[in-house]
Amino acid sequence: MGIHRIAPIGVVELADRAGRDHTTVSRQVAKLAELGLIERRPSAEDRRVKEALLIEEGRRVIDAIDAARGRLNQPVLEQWSDRDLLELDRLMRRHVDDLVGLSAAGKAADDR
């Protein structure tokens, strides 16, 4: 999903954004390439960096995941009031903001 949302992206940047060790992310990216879901190519900005980019088969997998999420969530959420849905949206945004803040704080601590 991270590659889909941010691509093209290098392993180090992807690992930083995910808050994971780059060697772990590198192995996962290699597996995605082996499965034919992403392509690895040299960065246009820095030829030393290999970027990951989603290809057609990877897009099909992402679409299938999104569809499955929709099928799981729709029966539940269609019973919720507009007020409940707005509250869910507010809390999800807060969650993401807090995660981003935590990640930024961790990165700042690592940089020291």
Protein backbone atom coordinates (compact mmCIF):
# COMPACT_ATOMS: atom_id res chain seq x y z
CA MET A 1 0.00 0.00 0.00
CA GLY A 2 2.83 2.39 0.82
CA ILE A 3 4.39 1.87 -2.58
CA HIS A 4 1.00 2.44 -4.21
CA ARG A 5 0.41 5.71 -2.35
CA ILE A 6 3.90 7.22 -2.62
CA ALA A 7 5.53 5.60 -5.67
CA PRO A 8 8.04 5.82 -6.98
CA ILE A 9 9.87 5.44 -3.67
CA GLY A 10 13.20 4.07 -2.51
CA VAL A 11 13.49 1.42 0.19
CA VAL A 12 15.12 3.74 2.74
CA GLU A 13 12.37 6.35 2.41
CA LEU A 14 9.67 3.68 2.51
CA ALA A 15 11.22 2.17 5.65
CA ASP A 16 11.43 5.61 7.28
CA ARG A 17 7.78 6.34 6.54
CA ALA A 18 6.74 2.92 7.86
CA GLY A 19 8.94 3.18 10.93
CA ARG A 20 10.71 -0.06 10.07
CA ASP A 21 14.29 -1.14 9.56
CA HIS A 22 15.36 -0.73 5.94
CA THR A 23 16.71 -4.29 5.73
CA THR A 24 13.29 -5.67 6.65
CA VAL A 25 11.55 -3.44 4.12
CA SER A 26 14.17 -4.31 1.50
CA ARG A 27 13.36 -8.03 1.86
CA GLN A 28 9.63 -7.32 1.59
CA VAL A 29 10.13 -5.14 -1.50
CA ALA A 30 12.28 -7.86 -3.08
CA LYS A 31 9.49 -10.38 -2.46
CA LEU A 32 6.91 -8.05 -4.07
CA ALA A 33 9.18 -7.74 -7.11
CA GLU A 34 9.63 -11.52 -7.22
CA LEU A 35 5.83 -11.91 -7.18
CA GLY A 36 5.52 -9.51 -10.13
CA LEU A 37 3.62 -6.86 -8.16
CA ILE A 38 6.18 -4.05 -8.36
CA GLU A 39 9.02 -2.94 -10.57
CA ARG A 40 12.42 -1.77 -9.32
CA ARG A 41 14.19 0.89 -11.34
CA PRO A 42 17.00 3.40 -10.85
CA SER A 43 15.86 6.78 -9.55
CA ALA A 44 15.87 9.60 -12.08
CA GLU A 45 17.29 11.89 -9.38
CA ASP A 46 19.92 9.56 -7.90
CA ARG A 47 21.02 6.52 -9.91
CA ARG A 48 22.35 4.87 -6.73
CA VAL A 49 18.78 4.60 -5.43
CA LYS A 50 16.45 1.90 -6.76
CA GLU A 51 12.82 2.97 -6.60
CA ALA A 52 9.82 0.70 -6.24
CA LEU A 53 6.84 1.28 -8.48
CA LEU A 54 3.54 -0.62 -8.59
CA ILE A 55 2.83 -2.40 -11.88
CA GLU A 56 -0.46 -3.65 -13.32
CA GLU A 57 -0.62 -6.91 -11.35
CA GLY A 58 0.11 -4.98 -8.16
CA ARG A 59 -2.72 -2.56 -8.97
CA ARG A 60 -5.07 -5.53 -9.37
CA VAL A 61 -4.08 -6.79 -5.90
CA ILE A 62 -4.60 -3.32 -4.39
CA ASP A 63 -8.02 -3.09 -6.07
CA ALA A 64 -8.98 -6.53 -4.69
CA ILE A 65 -7.93 -5.50 -1.17
CA ASP A 66 -9.91 -2.26 -1.44
CA ALA A 67 -12.97 -4.16 -2.67
CA ALA A 68 -12.71 -6.66 0.20
CA ARG A 69 -12.47 -3.81 2.72
CA GLY A 70 -15.56 -2.27 1.19
CA ARG A 71 -17.50 -5.53 1.42
CA LEU A 72 -16.54 -5.90 5.09
CA ASN A 73 -17.23 -2.32 6.10
CA GLN A 74 -20.34 -1.46 4.08
CA PRO A 75 -22.86 -3.60 6.01
CA VAL A 76 -21.67 -2.11 9.29
CA LEU A 77 -21.26 1.51 8.28
CA GLU A 78 -24.53 1.78 6.38
CA GLN A 79 -26.30 1.28 9.72
CA TRP A 80 -24.43 4.17 11.36
CA SER A 81 -25.89 7.67 11.56
CA ASP A 82 -24.30 10.61 9.77
CA ARG A 83 -23.18 11.88 13.17
CA ASP A 84 -21.46 8.55 13.94
CA LEU A 85 -19.73 8.59 10.55
CA LEU A 86 -18.47 12.14 11.12
CA GLU A 87 -17.16 11.10 14.54
CA LEU A 88 -15.41 8.08 13.00
CA ASP A 89 -13.84 10.37 10.41
CA ARG A 90 -12.69 12.79 13.13
CA LEU A 91 -11.17 10.02 15.23
CA MET A 92 -9.47 8.35 12.26
CA ARG A 93 -7.91 11.69 11.28
CA ARG A 94 -6.73 12.14 14.87
CA HIS A 95 -5.27 8.63 14.84
CA VAL A 96 -3.34 9.29 11.63
CA ASP A 97 -2.14 12.68 12.88
CA ASP A 98 -0.92 11.10 16.12
CA LEU A 99 0.87 8.34 14.20
CA VAL A 100 2.55 10.89 11.96
CA GLY A 101 3.58 12.91 15.00
CA LEU A 102 4.95 9.82 16.72
CA SER A 103 6.89 8.85 13.61
CA ALA A 104 8.30 12.37 13.25
CA ALA A 105 9.32 12.42 16.93
CA GLY A 106 11.03 9.04 16.55
CA LYS A 107 12.87 10.22 13.44
CA ALA A 108 14.00 13.40 15.21
CA ALA A 109 15.30 11.33 18.12
CA ASP A 110 17.14 9.03 15.72
CA ASP A 111 18.73 12.03 13.99
CA ARG A 112 20.21 13.22 17.29
